[in-house]
N, C-alpha and C. Protein backbone atom coordinates (compact mmCIF):
# COMPACT_ATOMS: atom_id res chain seq x y z
N MET A 1 0.87 -1.42 -0.09
CA MET A 1 0.41 0.01 0.19
C MET A 1 0.76 1.21 0.07
N ILE A 2 1.79 1.06 1.02
CA ILE A 2 2.93 2.30 1.20
C ILE A 2 3.63 2.70 -0.27
N THR A 3 3.46 1.18 -0.86
CA THR A 3 4.58 1.39 -2.30
C THR A 3 3.92 1.79 -3.38
N ALA A 4 2.86 1.78 -3.67
CA ALA A 4 1.34 2.29 -4.52
C ALA A 4 1.44 3.51 -4.36
N ALA A 5 1.62 4.25 -2.90
CA ALA A 5 1.56 5.40 -2.44
C ALA A 5 2.41 6.58 -3.18
N LEU A 6 3.65 6.04 -2.80
CA LEU A 6 4.72 6.64 -3.03
C LEU A 6 5.18 6.52 -4.86
N GLU A 7 4.36 5.90 -5.68
CA GLU A 7 4.73 5.12 -6.84
C GLU A 7 3.56 6.38 -7.46
N LEU A 8 2.32 6.74 -7.01
CA LEU A 8 1.15 7.26 -6.96
C LEU A 8 1.88 9.32 -6.79
N LEU A 9 2.82 9.18 -6.12
CA LEU A 9 3.22 10.67 -5.72
C LEU A 9 4.25 10.90 -6.82
N ASP A 10 4.94 10.08 -7.20
CA ASP A 10 5.76 10.20 -8.16
C ASP A 10 4.85 10.32 -9.52
N ASP A 11 3.89 10.15 -9.88
CA ASP A 11 3.18 10.89 -11.17
C ASP A 11 2.24 11.43 -10.80
N VAL A 12 1.54 11.98 -9.67
CA VAL A 12 0.90 12.89 -9.99
C VAL A 12 1.49 14.22 -8.57
N GLY A 13 2.37 13.84 -7.90
CA GLY A 13 2.45 14.79 -7.05
C GLY A 13 1.90 14.97 -5.62
N LEU A 14 2.42 15.51 -4.90
CA LEU A 14 1.95 15.68 -3.27
C LEU A 14 0.72 16.52 -3.66
N ASP A 15 0.10 17.65 -4.34
CA ASP A 15 -0.91 18.52 -4.37
C ASP A 15 -2.20 17.21 -4.83
N ALA A 16 -1.98 16.40 -5.78
CA ALA A 16 -2.86 15.92 -6.34
C ALA A 16 -3.14 14.52 -5.56
N LEU A 17 -2.28 14.62 -4.59
CA LEU A 17 -2.30 12.83 -3.92
C LEU A 17 -3.60 13.11 -2.85
N THR A 18 -4.65 12.19 -3.37
CA THR A 18 -5.65 11.65 -2.24
C THR A 18 -6.03 10.90 -2.16
N MET A 19 -6.46 10.22 -0.89
CA MET A 19 -7.07 9.17 -0.72
C MET A 19 -7.91 8.92 -1.79
N ARG A 20 -9.08 9.33 -1.92
CA ARG A 20 -9.57 8.69 -3.10
C ARG A 20 -8.58 7.99 -4.20
N ARG A 21 -7.57 9.02 -4.60
CA ARG A 21 -7.23 8.68 -5.90
C ARG A 21 -6.47 7.26 -5.55
N LEU A 22 -5.70 7.08 -4.50
CA LEU A 22 -4.80 6.56 -4.01
C LEU A 22 -5.95 4.77 -4.02
N ALA A 23 -7.19 4.93 -3.22
CA ALA A 23 -7.87 3.92 -3.30
C ALA A 23 -8.31 3.56 -4.86
N SER A 24 -8.50 4.01 -5.51
CA SER A 24 -8.79 3.69 -7.37
C SER A 24 -7.45 3.24 -7.55
N ALA A 25 -6.05 3.72 -7.35
CA ALA A 25 -4.76 3.04 -7.75
C ALA A 25 -5.16 1.61 -7.27
N LEU A 26 -5.58 1.05 -5.89
CA LEU A 26 -5.64 0.12 -5.38
C LEU A 26 -6.64 -0.72 -5.72
N ASP A 27 -7.52 0.05 -6.39
CA ASP A 27 -8.96 -0.79 -7.01
C ASP A 27 -9.73 -1.13 -5.76
N VAL A 28 -9.72 -0.48 -4.21
CA VAL A 28 -10.39 0.00 -3.50
C VAL A 28 -10.94 0.41 -3.03
N GLN A 29 -12.21 0.45 -1.79
CA GLN A 29 -13.17 1.42 -1.56
C GLN A 29 -12.54 2.56 -0.81
N VAL A 30 -12.41 3.72 -0.66
CA VAL A 30 -11.90 4.70 -0.04
C VAL A 30 -11.96 4.41 1.31
N GLY A 31 -12.69 4.04 1.85
CA GLY A 31 -13.07 3.34 3.34
C GLY A 31 -12.02 2.54 3.70
N THR A 32 -11.93 1.81 2.89
CA THR A 32 -10.63 0.63 2.91
C THR A 32 -9.59 1.21 3.31
N LEU A 33 -9.14 2.29 3.25
CA LEU A 33 -7.50 2.90 3.59
C LEU A 33 -7.88 3.72 4.54
N TYR A 34 -8.56 3.84 5.38
CA TYR A 34 -9.01 4.66 6.36
C TYR A 34 -9.07 3.80 7.53
N GLY A 35 -9.25 2.49 7.36
CA GLY A 35 -9.12 1.44 7.88
C GLY A 35 -7.54 0.94 8.33
N TYR A 36 -6.89 1.51 7.43
CA TYR A 36 -5.41 1.74 8.03
C TYR A 36 -4.58 2.80 8.25
N PHE A 37 -5.33 4.06 7.44
CA PHE A 37 -4.76 5.51 7.77
C PHE A 37 -5.90 6.29 8.30
N VAL A 38 -6.22 6.82 9.40
CA VAL A 38 -7.11 7.50 9.96
C VAL A 38 -7.44 8.84 9.13
N THR A 39 -6.36 9.26 8.67
CA THR A 39 -6.29 10.39 8.43
C THR A 39 -5.04 10.57 7.15
N LYS A 40 -5.22 11.18 6.53
CA LYS A 40 -3.95 11.35 5.28
C LYS A 40 -2.70 11.95 5.73
N ARG A 41 -2.76 12.66 6.87
CA ARG A 41 -1.68 13.21 7.29
C ARG A 41 -1.13 11.43 8.15
N ALA A 42 -1.78 10.82 8.36
CA ALA A 42 -0.93 9.34 8.76
C ALA A 42 -0.39 8.49 7.91
N LEU A 43 -0.97 8.82 6.89
CA LEU A 43 -0.39 8.23 5.13
C LEU A 43 0.83 8.94 4.87
N LEU A 44 0.78 9.97 4.84
CA LEU A 44 2.22 10.85 4.55
C LEU A 44 3.33 10.30 5.67
N SER A 45 2.40 10.43 7.16
CA SER A 45 3.58 9.80 7.81
C SER A 45 4.39 8.64 7.51
N ALA A 46 3.60 7.28 7.27
CA ALA A 46 3.94 6.20 6.50
C ALA A 46 4.62 6.18 5.83
N MET A 47 4.84 7.11 4.52
CA MET A 47 4.92 7.20 3.73
C MET A 47 6.68 7.97 3.92
N ALA A 48 6.62 8.60 4.83
CA ALA A 48 7.96 9.56 5.04
C ALA A 48 8.94 8.47 5.62
N GLU A 49 7.91 7.58 6.49
CA GLU A 49 9.00 6.11 7.01
C GLU A 49 9.32 5.60 6.29
N SER A 50 8.99 5.08 5.25
CA SER A 50 9.35 4.24 4.19
C SER A 50 10.45 4.98 3.33
N MET A 51 10.48 6.04 3.54
CA MET A 51 11.14 7.01 2.18
C MET A 51 12.70 6.72 3.47
N LEU A 52 12.97 6.77 4.33
CA LEU A 52 14.49 6.04 4.97
C LEU A 52 14.76 5.06 5.23
N THR A 53 13.99 4.25 4.59
CA THR A 53 14.73 2.83 4.62
C THR A 53 16.18 2.76 3.90
N GLY A 54 16.55 2.26 4.50
CA GLY A 54 18.23 2.11 4.49
C GLY A 54 18.98 2.99 5.06
N CYS A 55 18.59 4.16 5.58
CA CYS A 55 19.35 5.27 5.88
C CYS A 55 20.10 4.81 7.59
N ALA A 56 19.59 3.99 8.06
CA ALA A 56 20.56 3.74 9.24
C ALA A 56 21.02 2.35 9.21
N ALA A 57 21.90 1.83 8.02
CA ALA A 57 22.44 1.07 7.46
C ALA A 57 23.83 1.17 8.44
N PRO A 58 24.34 0.12 8.96
CA PRO A 58 26.00 -0.02 9.43
C PRO A 58 26.58 1.30 8.73
N LEU A 59 27.31 1.90 9.43
CA LEU A 59 28.24 3.36 8.75
C LEU A 59 29.94 2.31 8.39
N PRO A 60 30.64 2.51 7.42
CA PRO A 60 31.92 1.85 7.15
C PRO A 60 32.72 2.35 8.55
N PRO A 61 33.56 1.53 9.31
CA PRO A 61 34.20 1.46 10.33
C PRO A 61 35.18 2.66 10.77
N ASP A 62 35.66 2.89 9.21
CA ASP A 62 37.11 3.57 9.51
C ASP A 62 36.85 4.90 9.38
N LEU A 63 35.49 5.46 9.22
CA LEU A 63 35.07 7.05 9.08
C LEU A 63 35.02 7.68 10.61
N GLU A 64 36.08 8.72 10.45
CA GLU A 64 35.68 9.97 11.63
C GLU A 64 34.16 10.38 11.81
N TRP A 65 34.18 10.62 13.07
CA TRP A 65 32.70 11.18 13.46
C TRP A 65 32.71 12.51 12.66
N ALA A 66 33.04 13.00 12.05
CA ALA A 66 32.84 14.11 10.67
C ALA A 66 32.59 13.32 9.96
N ASP A 67 33.11 12.47 8.93
CA ASP A 67 32.51 12.41 7.66
C ASP A 67 31.78 10.99 8.13
N GLN A 68 31.19 10.81 9.25
CA GLN A 68 29.83 9.82 9.27
C GLN A 68 28.65 10.75 9.16
N VAL A 69 29.13 11.87 9.98
CA VAL A 69 27.56 12.94 10.19
C VAL A 69 27.57 13.14 8.33
N VAL A 70 28.46 13.36 7.40
CA VAL A 70 28.19 13.80 5.85
C VAL A 70 27.81 12.67 5.58
N GLU A 71 28.19 10.97 5.77
CA GLU A 71 27.33 10.12 5.29
C GLU A 71 25.89 10.21 5.85
N LEU A 72 25.73 10.24 6.90
CA LEU A 72 24.25 10.15 6.88
C LEU A 72 23.66 11.37 6.57
N SER A 73 24.31 12.31 6.38
CA SER A 73 23.15 13.91 5.82
C SER A 73 23.24 13.49 4.22
N ARG A 74 24.05 12.77 3.93
CA ARG A 74 24.11 12.57 2.47
C ARG A 74 22.68 11.47 1.84
N ARG A 75 22.90 10.67 2.80
CA ARG A 75 21.66 9.49 2.89
C ARG A 75 20.69 10.16 2.89
N MET A 76 20.10 10.64 3.55
CA MET A 76 18.68 11.44 4.04
C MET A 76 18.48 12.37 2.91
N ARG A 77 19.38 12.83 2.08
CA ARG A 77 19.16 13.98 1.27
C ARG A 77 18.87 12.37 -0.27
N ARG A 78 19.46 12.06 -0.46
CA ARG A 78 19.10 11.00 -1.21
C ARG A 78 17.90 10.57 -1.30
N ALA A 79 17.96 10.16 0.05
CA ALA A 79 16.17 9.24 0.34
C ALA A 79 14.81 10.34 -0.02
N LEU A 80 15.04 11.63 0.76
CA LEU A 80 14.18 12.35 0.10
C LEU A 80 14.15 12.68 -1.54
N LEU A 81 15.11 13.11 -1.94
CA LEU A 81 15.07 13.11 -3.48
C LEU A 81 14.59 12.12 -4.35
N ARG A 82 14.60 11.03 -3.86
CA ARG A 82 13.89 9.59 -4.65
C ARG A 82 13.03 9.53 -5.30
N PHE A 83 11.99 10.52 -4.83
CA PHE A 83 10.64 10.45 -4.94
C PHE A 83 10.28 12.11 -4.99
N ARG A 84 9.29 12.43 -5.89
CA ARG A 84 8.81 13.23 -6.18
C ARG A 84 7.85 14.10 -5.16
N ASP A 85 8.67 15.36 -4.37
CA ASP A 85 8.04 16.22 -3.27
C ASP A 85 8.00 15.28 -2.09
N GLY A 86 9.25 14.41 -1.92
CA GLY A 86 9.66 13.87 -0.95
C GLY A 86 10.10 14.34 0.47
N ALA A 87 10.94 15.83 -0.22
CA ALA A 87 10.74 16.56 1.33
C ALA A 87 9.96 17.10 1.95
N ARG A 88 9.02 17.64 0.80
CA ARG A 88 7.42 18.35 1.41
C ARG A 88 7.08 17.13 2.49
N ILE A 89 6.75 16.04 1.82
CA ILE A 89 5.84 15.14 3.09
C ILE A 89 6.96 14.88 4.02
N TYR A 90 7.91 15.23 4.18
CA TYR A 90 8.93 15.11 5.46
C TYR A 90 8.67 15.74 5.95
N ALA A 91 8.45 16.82 5.60
CA ALA A 91 8.71 17.90 5.97
C ALA A 91 7.75 18.02 7.35
N GLY A 92 8.11 18.66 8.48
CA GLY A 92 6.69 18.69 9.61
C GLY A 92 6.13 17.41 9.96
N ILE A 93 6.48 16.26 9.59
CA ILE A 93 5.91 14.85 9.73
C ILE A 93 7.50 14.36 10.84
N HIS A 94 6.41 13.92 12.19
CA HIS A 94 7.14 13.14 13.03
C HIS A 94 6.79 11.95 13.26
N SER A 95 7.74 11.25 12.50
CA SER A 95 7.10 9.31 12.31
C SER A 95 7.79 8.76 13.42
N GLY A 96 7.31 7.95 14.00
CA GLY A 96 7.34 6.77 15.01
C GLY A 96 8.29 5.25 14.72
N GLY A 97 8.25 5.57 13.51
CA GLY A 97 8.53 4.29 12.60
C GLY A 97 10.14 3.85 12.95
N PRO A 98 10.41 2.79 12.94
CA PRO A 98 11.64 2.32 12.66
C PRO A 98 12.88 3.13 12.21
N ASN A 99 12.35 3.09 10.65
CA ASN A 99 13.31 3.72 9.86
C ASN A 99 13.92 5.00 10.74
N THR A 100 12.88 5.89 10.87
CA THR A 100 13.47 7.41 11.49
C THR A 100 13.60 7.01 12.58
N LEU A 101 13.09 6.30 13.60
CA LEU A 101 13.97 6.48 15.14
C LEU A 101 15.31 5.80 14.91
N SER A 102 15.77 4.50 14.28
CA SER A 102 17.04 4.25 13.92
C SER A 102 17.81 5.39 13.34
N PHE A 103 17.26 6.11 12.28
CA PHE A 103 17.94 7.28 11.66
C PHE A 103 19.12 8.18 12.76
N SER A 104 17.86 8.80 13.75
CA SER A 104 17.81 9.54 14.18
C SER A 104 18.68 9.43 15.59
N ASP A 105 18.72 8.18 16.18
CA ASP A 105 19.42 7.31 17.08
C ASP A 105 20.63 7.47 16.73
N MET A 106 21.27 6.74 15.49
CA MET A 106 22.51 6.82 14.39
C MET A 106 23.00 8.30 14.69
N PHE A 107 22.27 9.07 14.02
CA PHE A 107 23.22 10.29 14.49
C PHE A 107 23.34 10.66 15.64
N ILE A 108 22.69 11.01 16.40
CA ILE A 108 22.50 11.48 17.65
C ILE A 108 23.74 10.77 18.25
N GLY A 109 24.21 9.39 18.52
CA GLY A 109 25.39 8.64 18.69
C GLY A 109 26.21 9.13 18.36
N VAL A 110 26.08 9.60 16.88
CA VAL A 110 27.97 9.79 16.33
C VAL A 110 28.28 10.95 16.63
N MET A 111 27.32 12.21 17.09
CA MET A 111 27.60 13.10 17.91
C MET A 111 27.92 13.00 18.62
N CYS A 112 27.52 12.18 19.38
CA CYS A 112 28.09 11.98 20.97
C CYS A 112 29.33 11.67 21.23
N ALA A 113 29.68 10.95 19.88
CA ALA A 113 30.98 10.19 19.39
C ALA A 113 32.00 10.84 19.91
N SER A 114 31.71 12.57 19.42
CA SER A 114 32.54 13.75 19.17
C SER A 114 33.15 14.36 19.93
N GLY A 115 32.25 14.05 21.51
CA GLY A 115 32.75 14.43 22.63
C GLY A 115 31.30 15.46 23.06
N MET A 116 30.65 15.76 22.23
CA MET A 116 29.53 16.54 22.74
C MET A 116 28.44 16.37 23.74
N ARG A 117 27.82 16.86 24.54
CA ARG A 117 26.87 16.58 25.58
C ARG A 117 25.56 15.86 25.00
N VAL A 118 24.81 15.24 25.40
CA VAL A 118 23.97 14.29 24.61
C VAL A 118 22.70 15.46 24.27
N ASP A 119 22.50 16.78 25.20
CA ASP A 119 21.36 17.91 24.64
C ASP A 119 22.04 18.49 23.52
N ASP A 120 23.51 19.01 23.55
CA ASP A 120 23.62 19.32 21.95
C ASP A 120 24.29 18.83 20.95
N ALA A 121 24.27 17.22 21.23
CA ALA A 121 24.19 16.38 20.32
C ALA A 121 22.97 16.00 19.50
N THR A 122 21.95 16.59 20.25
CA THR A 122 20.36 16.12 19.97
C THR A 122 19.91 17.49 19.23
N ARG A 123 20.18 18.66 19.42
CA ARG A 123 20.17 19.89 18.85
C ARG A 123 20.76 19.79 17.51
N ALA A 124 22.32 19.52 17.81
CA ALA A 124 22.83 19.12 16.47
C ALA A 124 22.38 18.42 15.23
N THR A 125 21.97 17.62 16.08
CA THR A 125 21.66 16.73 14.73
C THR A 125 19.92 17.05 14.14
N PHE A 126 19.53 17.47 14.39
CA PHE A 126 18.27 18.31 14.17
C PHE A 126 18.18 19.52 13.55
N THR A 127 19.55 20.47 14.01
CA THR A 127 19.86 21.19 13.05
C THR A 127 20.29 20.90 11.88
N ILE A 128 21.05 19.66 11.37
CA ILE A 128 21.50 19.56 10.18
C ILE A 128 20.21 19.08 9.59
N ILE A 129 19.83 18.21 10.27
CA ILE A 129 18.28 17.24 9.67
C ILE A 129 17.67 18.65 8.87
N ARG A 130 17.58 19.21 9.66
CA ARG A 130 16.44 20.84 9.42
C ARG A 130 17.20 21.34 8.11
N PHE A 131 18.49 21.30 7.79
CA PHE A 131 19.14 21.80 6.80
C PHE A 131 19.18 20.70 5.56
N ILE A 132 18.65 19.89 5.94
CA ILE A 132 18.98 18.35 4.77
C ILE A 132 17.28 18.74 4.09
N ILE A 133 16.75 18.80 4.76
CA ILE A 133 15.17 19.14 4.61
C ILE A 133 14.83 20.44 3.78
N GLY A 134 15.44 21.31 4.25
CA GLY A 134 15.32 22.67 3.36
C GLY A 134 15.84 22.75 2.07
N HIS A 135 17.00 22.13 2.03
CA HIS A 135 18.17 22.04 1.14
C HIS A 135 17.12 21.17 -0.01
N ALA A 136 16.54 20.23 0.32
CA ALA A 136 15.57 19.10 -0.51
C ALA A 136 14.43 19.60 -1.10
N LEU A 137 13.79 20.85 -0.20
CA LEU A 137 12.67 21.12 -0.90
C LEU A 137 13.11 22.51 -1.99
N GLU A 138 14.14 23.04 -1.78
CA GLU A 138 14.53 24.10 -2.77
C GLU A 138 15.22 23.19 -3.90
N GLU A 139 15.98 22.01 -3.81
CA GLU A 139 15.65 21.42 -5.09
C GLU A 139 14.65 20.91 -5.96
N GLN A 140 13.74 20.55 -4.89
CA GLN A 140 12.57 19.88 -5.57
C GLN A 140 11.63 21.05 -6.20
N ALA A 141 11.97 22.52 -5.74
CA ALA A 141 11.11 23.27 -6.31
C ALA A 141 11.36 23.91 -7.76
N VAL A 142 12.84 23.43 -7.43
CA VAL A 142 13.75 23.99 -8.96
C VAL A 142 13.10 22.79 -9.92
N ALA A 143 13.40 21.74 -9.74
CA ALA A 143 13.02 20.25 -10.55
C ALA A 143 11.76 20.26 -10.95
N ASN A 144 10.90 21.05 -10.16
CA ASN A 144 9.30 20.71 -10.75
C ASN A 144 9.14 21.65 -11.14
N ALA A 145 9.75 23.11 -11.41
CA ALA A 145 9.47 24.36 -12.30
C ALA A 145 9.72 23.74 -13.70
N SER A 146 8.99 24.39 -14.70
CA SER A 146 8.93 23.73 -16.21
C SER A 146 10.51 24.83 -16.65
N ASP A 147 11.37 24.06 -17.65
CA ASP A 147 12.02 24.90 -17.88
C ASP A 147 12.32 26.66 -18.23
N ASP A 148 11.43 26.47 -19.03
CA ASP A 148 10.78 27.76 -19.57
C ASP A 148 10.33 29.26 -17.96
N ASP A 149 9.71 28.40 -17.05
CA ASP A 149 9.78 29.43 -15.69
C ASP A 149 10.93 29.46 -15.45
N LEU A 150 11.81 28.65 -15.17
CA LEU A 150 13.07 28.46 -14.37
C LEU A 150 13.69 29.28 -15.31
N ALA A 151 14.44 29.35 -16.34
CA ALA A 151 14.62 30.52 -17.27
C ALA A 151 14.61 31.51 -17.24
N ALA A 152 12.83 31.79 -16.89
CA ALA A 152 12.65 33.39 -16.86
C ALA A 152 12.99 33.77 -15.43
N ASP A 153 12.89 33.17 -14.34
CA ASP A 153 13.42 33.52 -13.00
C ASP A 153 14.71 34.01 -12.83
N LEU A 154 15.53 33.25 -13.29
CA LEU A 154 17.05 33.34 -13.46
C LEU A 154 16.91 34.83 -14.36
N ASP A 155 16.71 34.84 -15.53
CA ASP A 155 16.91 35.94 -16.14
C ASP A 155 16.57 37.10 -15.50
N ALA A 156 15.55 36.96 -14.84
CA ALA A 156 15.06 37.86 -14.08
C ALA A 156 16.12 38.42 -12.82
N LEU A 157 16.74 37.66 -12.16
CA LEU A 157 17.48 37.57 -11.16
C LEU A 157 18.45 38.69 -11.55
N ARG A 158 18.98 37.94 -12.78
CA ARG A 158 19.99 38.49 -13.44
C ARG A 158 20.40 39.91 -13.46
N ASN A 159 18.94 40.04 -14.40
CA ASN A 159 18.96 41.47 -14.69
C ASN A 159 18.74 42.33 -13.68
N ALA A 160 18.16 41.81 -12.53
CA ALA A 160 17.80 42.96 -11.23
C ALA A 160 19.47 43.22 -10.79
N VAL A 161 20.34 42.24 -10.52
CA VAL A 161 21.52 42.56 -10.19
C VAL A 161 22.27 43.19 -10.86
N ASP A 162 22.11 43.08 -12.26
CA ASP A 162 22.75 43.98 -13.03
C ASP A 162 22.46 45.72 -13.20
N SER A 163 21.30 45.79 -13.16
CA SER A 163 20.58 46.94 -13.38
C SER A 163 20.53 47.95 -11.76
N GLY A 164 20.49 47.00 -10.58
CA GLY A 164 20.92 47.91 -9.68
C GLY A 164 22.54 48.25 -8.99
N ASN A 165 22.12 48.98 -7.89
CA ASN A 165 23.51 48.82 -6.84
C ASN A 165 24.04 47.94 -6.15
N TYR A 166 24.65 47.00 -6.69
CA TYR A 166 24.98 45.63 -5.55
C TYR A 166 26.36 45.04 -6.17
N PRO A 167 27.15 45.72 -5.28
CA PRO A 167 28.46 45.60 -5.80
C PRO A 167 29.18 44.36 -5.42
N ASN A 168 28.28 43.72 -4.51
CA ASN A 168 28.95 42.38 -4.03
C ASN A 168 27.82 40.90 -5.06
N LEU A 169 26.90 41.65 -4.84
CA LEU A 169 26.34 40.40 -5.87
C LEU A 169 26.40 40.64 -7.42
N SER A 170 26.86 41.65 -8.01
CA SER A 170 27.31 41.49 -9.19
C SER A 170 28.56 40.77 -9.61
N HIS A 171 29.26 40.72 -8.49
CA HIS A 171 30.77 39.77 -8.70
C HIS A 171 30.43 38.14 -8.38
N ILE A 172 29.14 38.03 -8.16
CA ILE A 172 28.86 36.53 -8.14
C ILE A 172 27.27 36.07 -8.88
N ALA A 173 27.19 37.01 -9.63
CA ALA A 173 25.59 36.57 -10.03
C ALA A 173 25.56 34.90 -10.62
N PRO A 174 26.90 34.40 -11.42
CA PRO A 174 26.55 33.10 -11.99
C PRO A 174 26.59 32.12 -10.45
N LEU A 175 27.08 32.75 -9.04
CA LEU A 175 26.84 31.77 -8.24
C LEU A 175 25.53 31.65 -7.34
N ILE A 176 24.80 32.49 -7.33
CA ILE A 176 23.40 32.82 -7.03
C ILE A 176 22.17 32.84 -7.83
N SER A 177 22.78 32.54 -9.31
CA SER A 177 21.74 32.05 -10.00
C SER A 177 22.17 30.59 -10.51
N GLY A 178 22.86 29.95 -9.57
CA GLY A 178 23.63 28.55 -10.12
C GLY A 178 22.43 27.86 -9.54
N THR A 179 22.38 26.31 -10.43
CA THR A 179 21.68 25.37 -9.84
C THR A 179 22.45 23.91 -9.46
N ASP A 180 23.40 24.29 -8.88
CA ASP A 180 24.35 23.15 -8.54
C ASP A 180 24.22 22.61 -7.35
N PHE A 181 22.96 22.41 -7.08
CA PHE A 181 22.96 22.06 -5.87
C PHE A 181 24.15 20.74 -4.87
N ASN A 182 24.34 19.85 -5.80
CA ASN A 182 25.51 19.20 -4.97
C ASN A 182 26.80 19.62 -4.75
N VAL A 183 27.23 20.87 -5.13
CA VAL A 183 28.51 21.80 -4.62
C VAL A 183 27.71 22.60 -3.47
N TYR A 184 26.62 23.25 -3.63
CA TYR A 184 26.02 23.89 -2.26
C TYR A 184 25.91 23.14 -1.01
N PHE A 185 25.26 21.87 -1.40
CA PHE A 185 24.70 20.73 -0.03
C PHE A 185 26.02 20.46 0.35
N GLU A 186 27.63 20.07 0.07
CA GLU A 186 28.63 19.60 0.69
C GLU A 186 28.89 20.87 1.32
N PHE A 187 28.81 21.65 0.75
CA PHE A 187 29.75 22.96 1.52
C PHE A 187 29.14 23.28 2.89
N GLY A 188 27.64 23.43 2.48
CA GLY A 188 26.76 23.43 3.85
C GLY A 188 27.04 22.38 4.94
N VAL A 189 27.09 20.97 4.40
CA VAL A 189 26.91 19.90 5.39
C VAL A 189 28.85 20.27 6.22
N ARG A 190 29.45 20.46 5.78
CA ARG A 190 30.70 20.36 6.01
C ARG A 190 30.94 21.88 6.76
N MET A 191 30.56 22.83 6.42
CA MET A 191 30.41 24.06 7.21
C MET A 191 29.87 23.83 8.77
N LEU A 192 28.78 23.18 8.77
CA LEU A 192 27.96 23.03 9.69
C LEU A 192 28.87 21.93 10.57
N VAL A 193 29.53 20.75 10.06
CA VAL A 193 30.50 19.93 10.99
C VAL A 193 31.67 20.58 11.11
N ARG A 194 32.41 21.95 10.63
CA ARG A 194 33.64 22.36 11.00
C ARG A 194 32.84 23.16 12.35
N GLY A 195 31.68 24.04 12.37
CA GLY A 195 31.18 24.65 13.75
C GLY A 195 30.82 23.60 14.62
N LEU A 196 30.62 22.37 14.07
CA LEU A 196 30.19 21.10 15.63
C LEU A 196 31.25 20.46 16.28
N GLY A 197 32.17 20.62 15.45
CA GLY A 197 33.76 20.54 15.59
C GLY A 197 34.22 21.61 16.68
N ASP A 198 34.12 22.74 16.10
CA ASP A 198 34.37 23.71 17.72
C ASP A 198 33.17 23.35 18.64
N LEU A 199 32.17 23.37 18.51
CA LEU A 199 31.39 23.06 19.84
C LEU A 199 31.74 21.92 20.94
N SER A 200 32.34 20.82 19.63
CA SER A 200 32.63 19.72 21.00
C SER A 200 33.93 19.69 21.55
N SER A 201 34.98 20.57 20.80
CA SER A 201 36.38 20.71 21.27
C SER A 201 35.90 21.83 22.40
N ALA A 202 35.23 22.54 22.56
CA ALA A 202 34.85 23.85 23.55
C ALA A 202 34.51 22.74 24.39
N ARG A 203 33.62 21.65 24.54
CA ARG A 203 33.14 21.03 25.77
C ARG A 203 33.90 20.31 26.37
N THR A 204 35.18 19.91 25.50
CA THR A 204 36.03 18.99 26.25
C THR A 204 36.90 19.64 27.24
């Protein structure tokens, strides 16, 4: 049932994903679905849980804690990007399933292994997770835009920078209008990790 919901999500997107449409795809009565999921939000929670399948697989034992954080972050980003509107579904959902809980538990454990106190480790974990979600939201918003709309947006941005008094922006226009999300993601995660390293050192 969740597999069918994720397949339908890829076909129609989150805005068009309804319980009725899923029931039709499964060839069942919509009431049957409500026997499994009391609300649509319950369905979305189960879908979010399924997305993280495999994210808590054992980490390579030779990685330092900072590289483990980067690896876990990459796993979650890939998981959200694997499905159309995956980040929108995951955002704001508090799943209590084993995939989600195992991933969070592993992430916090890695942070604690760096020397952080457990409260700092927890806040650090969810700071990075929220960065991942936000980054994936941006990526998928761009991916869902038509080529014409995206080109028009970027042209308007470049023209606005070129025609105004923005001395700092004018020198880096290709960067602010670029869509190389891999580069920005890697930079962002590693910048956060460096900051967390400073926090960990300060606590020891």
